[in-house]
Amino acid sequence: NRCCTPDQMDDARRIADGLNIPFYVLDTRD
């Protein structure tokens, strides 16, 4: 959906990498 698209996940992961912090995507669907 519009809240968690692959592009948004990629952006967040790229930002986390740039900040040198770990990044997790939590499967919250259920």
Full PDB file with SEQRES, HELIX, SHEET, SSBOND, CRYST1, ORIGX, SCALE, CONECT and MASTER records, all heavy atoms in Angstrom:
SEQRES   1 A   30  ASN ARG CYS CYS THR PRO ASP GLN MET ASP ASP ALA ARG          
SEQRES   2 A   30  ARG ILE ALA ASP GLY LEU ASN ILE PRO PHE TYR VAL LEU          
SEQRES   3 A   30  ASP THR ARG ASP                                              
HELIX    1 AA1 PRO A    6  LEU A   19  1                                  14    
CRYST1    1.000    1.000    1.000  90.00  90.00  90.00 P 1           1          
ORIGX1      1.000000  0.000000  0.000000        0.00000                         
ORIGX2      0.000000  1.000000  0.000000        0.00000                         
ORIGX3      0.000000  0.000000  1.000000        0.00000                         
SCALE1      1.000000  0.000000  0.000000        0.00000                         
SCALE2      0.000000  1.000000  0.000000        0.00000                         
SCALE3      0.000000  0.000000  1.000000        0.00000                         
ATOM      1  N   ASN A   1       0.854  -1.175   0.000  1.00  0.00           N  
ATOM      2  CA  ASN A   1       0.000   0.000   0.000  1.00  0.00           C  
ATOM      3  C   ASN A   1       0.893   1.229   0.000  1.00  0.00           C  
ATOM      4  O   ASN A   1       2.113   1.128  -0.051  1.00  0.00           O  
ATOM      5  CB  ASN A   1      -0.949  -0.012   1.194  1.00  0.00           C  
ATOM      6  CG  ASN A   1      -0.255   0.296   2.504  1.00  0.00           C  
ATOM      7  OD1 ASN A   1       0.955   0.182   2.644  1.00  0.00           O  
ATOM      8  ND2 ASN A   1      -1.026   0.697   3.483  1.00  0.00           N  
ATOM      9  N   ARG A   2       0.309   2.379   0.070  1.00  0.00           N  
ATOM     10  CA  ARG A   2       1.092   3.615  -0.036  1.00  0.00           C  
ATOM     11  C   ARG A   2       1.977   3.880   1.176  1.00  0.00           C  
ATOM     12  O   ARG A   2       2.858   4.725   1.136  1.00  0.00           O  
ATOM     13  CB  ARG A   2       0.182   4.803  -0.302  1.00  0.00           C  
ATOM     14  CG  ARG A   2      -0.799   5.086   0.807  1.00  0.00           C  
ATOM     15  CD  ARG A   2      -1.771   6.196   0.385  1.00  0.00           C  
ATOM     16  NE  ARG A   2      -2.757   6.410   1.409  1.00  0.00           N  
ATOM     17  CZ  ARG A   2      -2.663   7.364   2.324  1.00  0.00           C  
ATOM     18  NH1 ARG A   2      -1.658   8.200   2.325  1.00  0.00           N  
ATOM     19  NH2 ARG A   2      -3.596   7.494   3.245  1.00  0.00           N  
ATOM     20  N   CYS A   3       1.776   3.149   2.262  1.00  0.00           N  
ATOM     21  CA  CYS A   3       2.566   3.374   3.479  1.00  0.00           C  
ATOM     22  C   CYS A   3       3.905   2.635   3.482  1.00  0.00           C  
ATOM     23  O   CYS A   3       4.765   2.965   4.282  1.00  0.00           O  
ATOM     24  CB  CYS A   3       1.773   2.929   4.703  1.00  0.00           C  
ATOM     25  SG  CYS A   3       0.316   3.923   5.015  1.00  0.00           S  
ATOM     26  N   CYS A   4       4.046   1.659   2.665  1.00  0.00           N  
ATOM     27  CA  CYS A   4       5.271   0.865   2.769  1.00  0.00           C  
ATOM     28  C   CYS A   4       5.621   0.239   1.425  1.00  0.00           C  
ATOM     29  O   CYS A   4       5.720  -0.974   1.307  1.00  0.00           O  
ATOM     30  CB  CYS A   4       5.133  -0.204   3.844  1.00  0.00           C  
ATOM     31  SG  CYS A   4       3.646  -1.220   3.684  1.00  0.00           S  
ATOM     32  N   THR A   5       5.828   1.075   0.452  1.00  0.00           N  
ATOM     33  CA  THR A   5       6.166   0.575  -0.875  1.00  0.00           C  
ATOM     34  C   THR A   5       7.620   0.132  -0.906  1.00  0.00           C  
ATOM     35  O   THR A   5       8.423   0.546  -0.060  1.00  0.00           O  
ATOM     36  CB  THR A   5       5.951   1.667  -1.936  1.00  0.00           C  
ATOM     37  OG1 THR A   5       6.896   2.717  -1.720  1.00  0.00           O  
ATOM     38  CG2 THR A   5       4.524   2.223  -1.902  1.00  0.00           C  
ATOM     39  N   PRO A   6       7.982  -0.683  -1.874  1.00  0.00           N  
ATOM     40  CA  PRO A   6       9.389  -1.067  -1.999  1.00  0.00           C  
ATOM     41  C   PRO A   6      10.310   0.155  -2.138  1.00  0.00           C  
ATOM     42  O   PRO A   6      11.416   0.160  -1.580  1.00  0.00           O  
ATOM     43  CB  PRO A   6       9.412  -1.931  -3.258  1.00  0.00           C  
ATOM     44  CG  PRO A   6       8.043  -2.523  -3.318  1.00  0.00           C  
ATOM     45  CD  PRO A   6       7.127  -1.436  -2.823  1.00  0.00           C  
ATOM     46  N   ASP A   7       9.868   1.191  -2.839  1.00  0.00           N  
ATOM     47  CA  ASP A   7      10.688   2.403  -2.978  1.00  0.00           C  
ATOM     48  C   ASP A   7      10.911   3.075  -1.629  1.00  0.00           C  
ATOM     49  O   ASP A   7      12.018   3.537  -1.337  1.00  0.00           O  
ATOM     50  CB  ASP A   7      10.042   3.397  -3.953  1.00  0.00           C  
ATOM     51  CG  ASP A   7      10.140   2.946  -5.400  1.00  0.00           C  
ATOM     52  OD1 ASP A   7      10.951   2.030  -5.701  1.00  0.00           O  
ATOM     53  OD2 ASP A   7       9.404   3.508  -6.239  1.00  0.00           O  
ATOM     54  N   GLN A   8       9.868   3.149  -0.813  1.00  0.00           N  
ATOM     55  CA  GLN A   8      10.012   3.755   0.507  1.00  0.00           C  
ATOM     56  C   GLN A   8      10.924   2.910   1.402  1.00  0.00           C  
ATOM     57  O   GLN A   8      11.717   3.449   2.173  1.00  0.00           O  
ATOM     58  CB  GLN A   8       8.639   3.951   1.153  1.00  0.00           C  
ATOM     59  CG  GLN A   8       7.835   5.037   0.471  1.00  0.00           C  
ATOM     60  CD  GLN A   8       6.393   5.040   0.894  1.00  0.00           C  
ATOM     61  OE1 GLN A   8       5.796   3.987   1.132  1.00  0.00           O  
ATOM     62  NE2 GLN A   8       5.804   6.222   0.979  1.00  0.00           N  
ATOM     63  N   MET A   9      10.808   1.597   1.290  1.00  0.00           N  
ATOM     64  CA  MET A   9      11.708   0.722   2.049  1.00  0.00           C  
ATOM     65  C   MET A   9      13.148   0.922   1.607  1.00  0.00           C  
ATOM     66  O   MET A   9      14.054   0.992   2.441  1.00  0.00           O  
ATOM     67  CB  MET A   9      11.293  -0.740   1.882  1.00  0.00           C  
ATOM     68  CG  MET A   9      10.053  -1.106   2.624  1.00  0.00           C  
ATOM     69  SD  MET A   9       9.716  -2.873   2.422  1.00  0.00           S  
ATOM     70  CE  MET A   9       7.988  -2.907   2.861  1.00  0.00           C  
ATOM     71  N   ASP A  10      13.359   1.038   0.296  1.00  0.00           N  
ATOM     72  CA  ASP A  10      14.704   1.280  -0.227  1.00  0.00           C  
ATOM     73  C   ASP A  10      15.243   2.619   0.265  1.00  0.00           C  
ATOM     74  O   ASP A  10      16.411   2.720   0.647  1.00  0.00           O  
ATOM     75  CB  ASP A  10      14.721   1.250  -1.758  1.00  0.00           C  
ATOM     76  CG  ASP A  10      14.503  -0.143  -2.329  1.00  0.00           C  
ATOM     77  OD1 ASP A  10      14.637  -1.135  -1.582  1.00  0.00           O  
ATOM     78  OD2 ASP A  10      14.185  -0.232  -3.542  1.00  0.00           O  
ATOM     79  N   ASP A  11      14.404   3.654   0.259  1.00  0.00           N  
ATOM     80  CA  ASP A  11      14.829   4.973   0.745  1.00  0.00           C  
ATOM     81  C   ASP A  11      15.230   4.901   2.217  1.00  0.00           C  
ATOM     82  O   ASP A  11      16.278   5.421   2.611  1.00  0.00           O  
ATOM     83  CB  ASP A  11      13.712   6.005   0.580  1.00  0.00           C  
ATOM     84  CG  ASP A  11      13.470   6.411  -0.867  1.00  0.00           C  
ATOM     85  OD1 ASP A  11      14.335   6.116  -1.733  1.00  0.00           O  
ATOM     86  OD2 ASP A  11      12.416   7.028  -1.136  1.00  0.00           O  
ATOM     87  N   ALA A  12      14.386   4.271   3.026  1.00  0.00           N  
ATOM     88  CA  ALA A  12      14.681   4.170   4.456  1.00  0.00           C  
ATOM     89  C   ALA A  12      15.964   3.373   4.689  1.00  0.00           C  
ATOM     90  O   ALA A  12      16.807   3.754   5.512  1.00  0.00           O  
ATOM     91  CB  ALA A  12      13.506   3.526   5.194  1.00  0.00           C  
ATOM     92  N   ARG A  13      16.126   2.281   3.961  1.00  0.00           N  
ATOM     93  CA  ARG A  13      17.337   1.465   4.106  1.00  0.00           C  
ATOM     94  C   ARG A  13      18.580   2.263   3.683  1.00  0.00           C  
ATOM     95  O   ARG A  13      19.614   2.216   4.343  1.00  0.00           O  
ATOM     96  CB  ARG A  13      17.220   0.183   3.292  1.00  0.00           C  
ATOM     97  CG  ARG A  13      18.366  -0.807   3.548  1.00  0.00           C  
ATOM     98  CD  ARG A  13      18.193  -2.112   2.808  1.00  0.00           C  
ATOM     99  NE  ARG A  13      16.901  -2.749   3.007  1.00  0.00           N  
ATOM    100  CZ  ARG A  13      16.549  -3.428   4.095  1.00  0.00           C  
ATOM    101  NH1 ARG A  13      17.395  -3.555   5.098  1.00  0.00           N  
ATOM    102  NH2 ARG A  13      15.358  -4.005   4.187  1.00  0.00           N  
ATOM    103  N   ARG A  14      18.476   3.012   2.593  1.00  0.00           N  
ATOM    104  CA  ARG A  14      19.595   3.829   2.122  1.00  0.00           C  
ATOM    105  C   ARG A  14      19.960   4.908   3.153  1.00  0.00           C  
ATOM    106  O   ARG A  14      21.123   5.156   3.432  1.00  0.00           O  
ATOM    107  CB  ARG A  14      19.242   4.476   0.767  1.00  0.00           C  
ATOM    108  CG  ARG A  14      20.434   5.151   0.094  1.00  0.00           C  
ATOM    109  CD  ARG A  14      20.076   5.806  -1.241  1.00  0.00           C  
ATOM    110  NE  ARG A  14      19.274   7.007  -1.015  1.00  0.00           N  
ATOM    111  CZ  ARG A  14      17.955   7.123  -1.204  1.00  0.00           C  
ATOM    112  NH1 ARG A  14      17.246   6.102  -1.648  1.00  0.00           N  
ATOM    113  NH2 ARG A  14      17.333   8.244  -0.962  1.00  0.00           N  
ATOM    114  N   ILE A  15      18.957   5.525   3.744  1.00  0.00           N  
ATOM    115  CA  ILE A  15      19.200   6.543   4.767  1.00  0.00           C  
ATOM    116  C   ILE A  15      19.853   5.912   5.990  1.00  0.00           C  
ATOM    117  O   ILE A  15      20.806   6.456   6.551  1.00  0.00           O  
ATOM    118  CB  ILE A  15      17.897   7.274   5.120  1.00  0.00           C  
ATOM    119  CG1 ILE A  15      17.449   8.122   3.920  1.00  0.00           C  
ATOM    120  CG2 ILE A  15      18.064   8.134   6.366  1.00  0.00           C  
ATOM    121  CD1 ILE A  15      15.993   8.537   3.951  1.00  0.00           C  
ATOM    122  N   ALA A  16      19.344   4.763   6.411  1.00  0.00           N  
ATOM    123  CA  ALA A  16      19.939   4.051   7.556  1.00  0.00           C  
ATOM    124  C   ALA A  16      21.392   3.688   7.255  1.00  0.00           C  
ATOM    125  O   ALA A  16      22.268   3.854   8.122  1.00  0.00           O  
ATOM    126  CB  ALA A  16      19.122   2.805   7.895  1.00  0.00           C  
ATOM    127  N   ASP A  17      21.657   3.216   6.054  1.00  0.00           N  
ATOM    128  CA  ASP A  17      23.039   2.896   5.666  1.00  0.00           C  
ATOM    129  C   ASP A  17      23.918   4.134   5.732  1.00  0.00           C  
ATOM    130  O   ASP A  17      25.049   4.081   6.216  1.00  0.00           O  
ATOM    131  CB  ASP A  17      23.094   2.303   4.254  1.00  0.00           C  
ATOM    132  CG  ASP A  17      22.568   0.871   4.185  1.00  0.00           C  
ATOM    133  OD1 ASP A  17      22.413   0.230   5.253  1.00  0.00           O  
ATOM    134  OD2 ASP A  17      22.313   0.408   3.057  1.00  0.00           O  
ATOM    135  N   GLY A  18      23.384   5.260   5.253  1.00  0.00           N  
ATOM    136  CA  GLY A  18      24.141   6.508   5.298  1.00  0.00           C  
ATOM    137  C   GLY A  18      24.426   6.981   6.708  1.00  0.00           C  
ATOM    138  O   GLY A  18      25.430   7.641   6.965  1.00  0.00           O  
ATOM    139  N   LEU A  19      23.527   6.662   7.631  1.00  0.00           N  
ATOM    140  CA  LEU A  19      23.713   7.008   9.043  1.00  0.00           C  
ATOM    141  C   LEU A  19      24.502   5.943   9.789  1.00  0.00           C  
ATOM    142  O   LEU A  19      24.794   6.099  10.974  1.00  0.00           O  
ATOM    143  CB  LEU A  19      22.354   7.202   9.718  1.00  0.00           C  
ATOM    144  CG  LEU A  19      21.511   8.380   9.239  1.00  0.00           C  
ATOM    145  CD1 LEU A  19      20.107   8.328   9.854  1.00  0.00           C  
ATOM    146  CD2 LEU A  19      22.203   9.702   9.571  1.00  0.00           C  
ATOM    147  N   ASN A  20      24.812   4.844   9.080  1.00  0.00           N  
ATOM    148  CA  ASN A  20      25.557   3.727   9.663  1.00  0.00           C  
ATOM    149  C   ASN A  20      24.809   3.110  10.848  1.00  0.00           C  
ATOM    150  O   ASN A  20      25.396   2.847  11.901  1.00  0.00           O  
ATOM    151  CB  ASN A  20      26.972   4.161  10.060  1.00  0.00           C  
ATOM    152  CG  ASN A  20      27.889   2.970  10.208  1.00  0.00           C  
ATOM    153  OD1 ASN A  20      27.709   1.942   9.563  1.00  0.00           O  
ATOM    154  ND2 ASN A  20      28.872   3.103  11.089  1.00  0.00           N  
ATOM    155  N   ILE A  21      23.498   2.907  10.654  1.00  0.00           N  
ATOM    156  CA  ILE A  21      22.679   2.282  11.695  1.00  0.00           C  
ATOM    157  C   ILE A  21      22.010   1.040  11.115  1.00  0.00           C  
ATOM    158  O   ILE A  21      21.758   0.970   9.917  1.00  0.00           O  
ATOM    159  CB  ILE A  21      21.615   3.252  12.256  1.00  0.00           C  
ATOM    160  CG1 ILE A  21      20.617   3.687  11.162  1.00  0.00           C  
ATOM    161  CG2 ILE A  21      22.269   4.461  12.911  1.00  0.00           C  
ATOM    162  CD1 ILE A  21      19.442   4.501  11.675  1.00  0.00           C  
ATOM    163  N   PRO A  22      21.724   0.051  11.960  1.00  0.00           N  
ATOM    164  CA  PRO A  22      21.001  -1.129  11.469  1.00  0.00           C  
ATOM    165  C   PRO A  22      19.577  -0.745  11.088  1.00  0.00           C  
ATOM    166  O   PRO A  22      19.013   0.217  11.621  1.00  0.00           O  
ATOM    167  CB  PRO A  22      21.017  -2.093  12.657  1.00  0.00           C  
ATOM    168  CG  PRO A  22      21.349  -1.279  13.846  1.00  0.00           C  
ATOM    169  CD  PRO A  22      22.069  -0.059  13.371  1.00  0.00           C  
ATOM    170  N   PHE A  23      18.999  -1.490  10.164  1.00  0.00           N  
ATOM    171  CA  PHE A  23      17.646  -1.203   9.684  1.00  0.00           C  
ATOM    172  C   PHE A  23      16.867  -2.504   9.571  1.00  0.00           C  
ATOM    173  O   PHE A  23      17.363  -3.483   9.027  1.00  0.00           O  
ATOM    174  CB  PHE A  23      17.704  -0.509   8.320  1.00  0.00           C  
ATOM    175  CG  PHE A  23      16.354  -0.220   7.743  1.00  0.00           C  
ATOM    176  CD1 PHE A  23      15.586   0.817   8.239  1.00  0.00           C  
ATOM    177  CD2 PHE A  23      15.847  -0.994   6.710  1.00  0.00           C  
ATOM    178  CE1 PHE A  23      14.328   1.083   7.712  1.00  0.00           C  
ATOM    179  CE2 PHE A  23      14.598  -0.728   6.179  1.00  0.00           C  
ATOM    180  CZ  PHE A  23      13.841   0.311   6.677  1.00  0.00           C  
ATOM    181  N   TYR A  24      15.652  -2.509  10.099  1.00  0.00           N  
ATOM    182  CA  TYR A  24      14.798  -3.685  10.076  1.00  0.00           C  
ATOM    183  C   TYR A  24      13.432  -3.341   9.496  1.00  0.00           C  
ATOM    184  O   TYR A  24      12.862  -2.293   9.825  1.00  0.00           O  
ATOM    185  CB  TYR A  24      14.582  -4.234  11.493  1.00  0.00           C  
ATOM    186  CG  TYR A  24      15.857  -4.592  12.203  1.00  0.00           C  
ATOM    187  CD1 TYR A  24      16.440  -3.708  13.101  1.00  0.00           C  
ATOM    188  CD2 TYR A  24      16.487  -5.812  11.973  1.00  0.00           C  
ATOM    189  CE1 TYR A  24      17.621  -4.032  13.755  1.00  0.00           C  
ATOM    190  CE2 TYR A  24      17.661  -6.146  12.629  1.00  0.00           C  
ATOM    191  CZ  TYR A  24      18.228  -5.243  13.510  1.00  0.00           C  
ATOM    192  OH  TYR A  24      19.389  -5.560  14.153  1.00  0.00           O  
ATOM    193  N   VAL A  25      12.907  -4.200   8.654  1.00  0.00           N  
ATOM    194  CA  VAL A  25      11.525  -4.112   8.202  1.00  0.00           C  
ATOM    195  C   VAL A  25      10.751  -5.176   8.961  1.00  0.00           C  
ATOM    196  O   VAL A  25      11.092  -6.360   8.887  1.00  0.00           O  
ATOM    197  CB  VAL A  25      11.393  -4.323   6.672  1.00  0.00           C  
ATOM    198  CG1 VAL A  25       9.923  -4.340   6.256  1.00  0.00           C  
ATOM    199  CG2 VAL A  25      12.150  -3.240   5.908  1.00  0.00           C  
ATOM    200  N   LEU A  26       9.755  -4.759   9.706  1.00  0.00           N  
ATOM    201  CA  LEU A  26       8.961  -5.671  10.519  1.00  0.00           C  
ATOM    202  C   LEU A  26       7.674  -6.019   9.785  1.00  0.00           C  
ATOM    203  O   LEU A  26       6.927  -5.128   9.372  1.00  0.00           O  
ATOM    204  CB  LEU A  26       8.619  -5.023  11.862  1.00  0.00           C  
ATOM    205  CG  LEU A  26       9.808  -4.545  12.692  1.00  0.00           C  
ATOM    206  CD1 LEU A  26       9.315  -3.843  13.946  1.00  0.00           C  
ATOM    207  CD2 LEU A  26      10.714  -5.697  13.036  1.00  0.00           C  
ATOM    208  N   ASP A  27       7.407  -7.281   9.631  1.00  0.00           N  
ATOM    209  CA  ASP A  27       6.186  -7.732   8.976  1.00  0.00           C  
ATOM    210  C   ASP A  27       5.039  -7.603   9.970  1.00  0.00           C  
ATOM    211  O   ASP A  27       4.875  -8.425  10.864  1.00  0.00           O  
ATOM    212  CB  ASP A  27       6.336  -9.167   8.489  1.00  0.00           C  
ATOM    213  CG  ASP A  27       5.175  -9.613   7.624  1.00  0.00           C  
ATOM    214  OD1 ASP A  27       4.157  -8.883   7.565  1.00  0.00           O  
ATOM    215  OD2 ASP A  27       5.277 -10.678   7.002  1.00  0.00           O  
ATOM    216  N   THR A  28       4.265  -6.564   9.805  1.00  0.00           N  
ATOM    217  CA  THR A  28       3.199  -6.207  10.727  1.00  0.00           C  
ATOM    218  C   THR A  28       1.827  -6.531  10.144  1.00  0.00           C  
ATOM    219  O   THR A  28       0.807  -6.203  10.726  1.00  0.00           O  
ATOM    220  CB  THR A  28       3.306  -4.696  11.058  1.00  0.00           C  
ATOM    221  OG1 THR A  28       4.657  -4.379  11.330  1.00  0.00           O  
ATOM    222  CG2 THR A  28       2.491  -4.306  12.260  1.00  0.00           C  
ATOM    223  N   ARG A  29       1.801  -7.160   8.995  1.00  0.00           N  
ATOM    224  CA  ARG A  29       0.539  -7.363   8.269  1.00  0.00           C  
ATOM    225  C   ARG A  29      -0.493  -8.126   9.083  1.00  0.00           C  
ATOM    226  O   ARG A  29      -1.661  -7.716   9.145  1.00  0.00           O  
ATOM    227  CB  ARG A  29       0.801  -8.063   6.940  1.00  0.00           C  
ATOM    228  CG  ARG A  29       1.551  -7.164   5.952  1.00  0.00           C  
ATOM    229  CD  ARG A  29       1.916  -7.889   4.708  1.00  0.00           C  
ATOM    230  NE  ARG A  29       2.896  -8.943   5.034  1.00  0.00           N  
ATOM    231  CZ  ARG A  29       3.411  -9.767   4.155  1.00  0.00           C  
ATOM    232  NH1 ARG A  29       3.056  -9.696   2.893  1.00  0.00           N  
ATOM    233  NH2 ARG A  29       4.307 -10.671   4.509  1.00  0.00           N  
ATOM    234  N   ASP A  30      -0.133  -9.211   9.725  1.00  0.00           N  
ATOM    235  CA  ASP A  30      -1.116 -10.007  10.462  1.00  0.00           C  
ATOM    236  C   ASP A  30      -1.672  -9.263  11.666  1.00  0.00           C  
ATOM    237  O   ASP A  30      -2.888  -9.258  11.903  1.00  0.00           O  
ATOM    238  CB  ASP A  30      -0.514 -11.342  10.901  1.00  0.00           C  
ATOM    239  CG  ASP A  30      -0.312 -12.304   9.747  1.00  0.00           C  
ATOM    240  OD1 ASP A  30      -0.908 -12.096   8.665  1.00  0.00           O  
ATOM    241  OD2 ASP A  30       0.464 -13.268   9.917  1.00  0.00           O  
TER     242      ASP A  30                                                      
MASTER        0    0    0    1    0    0    0    6  241    1    0    3          
END                                                                             
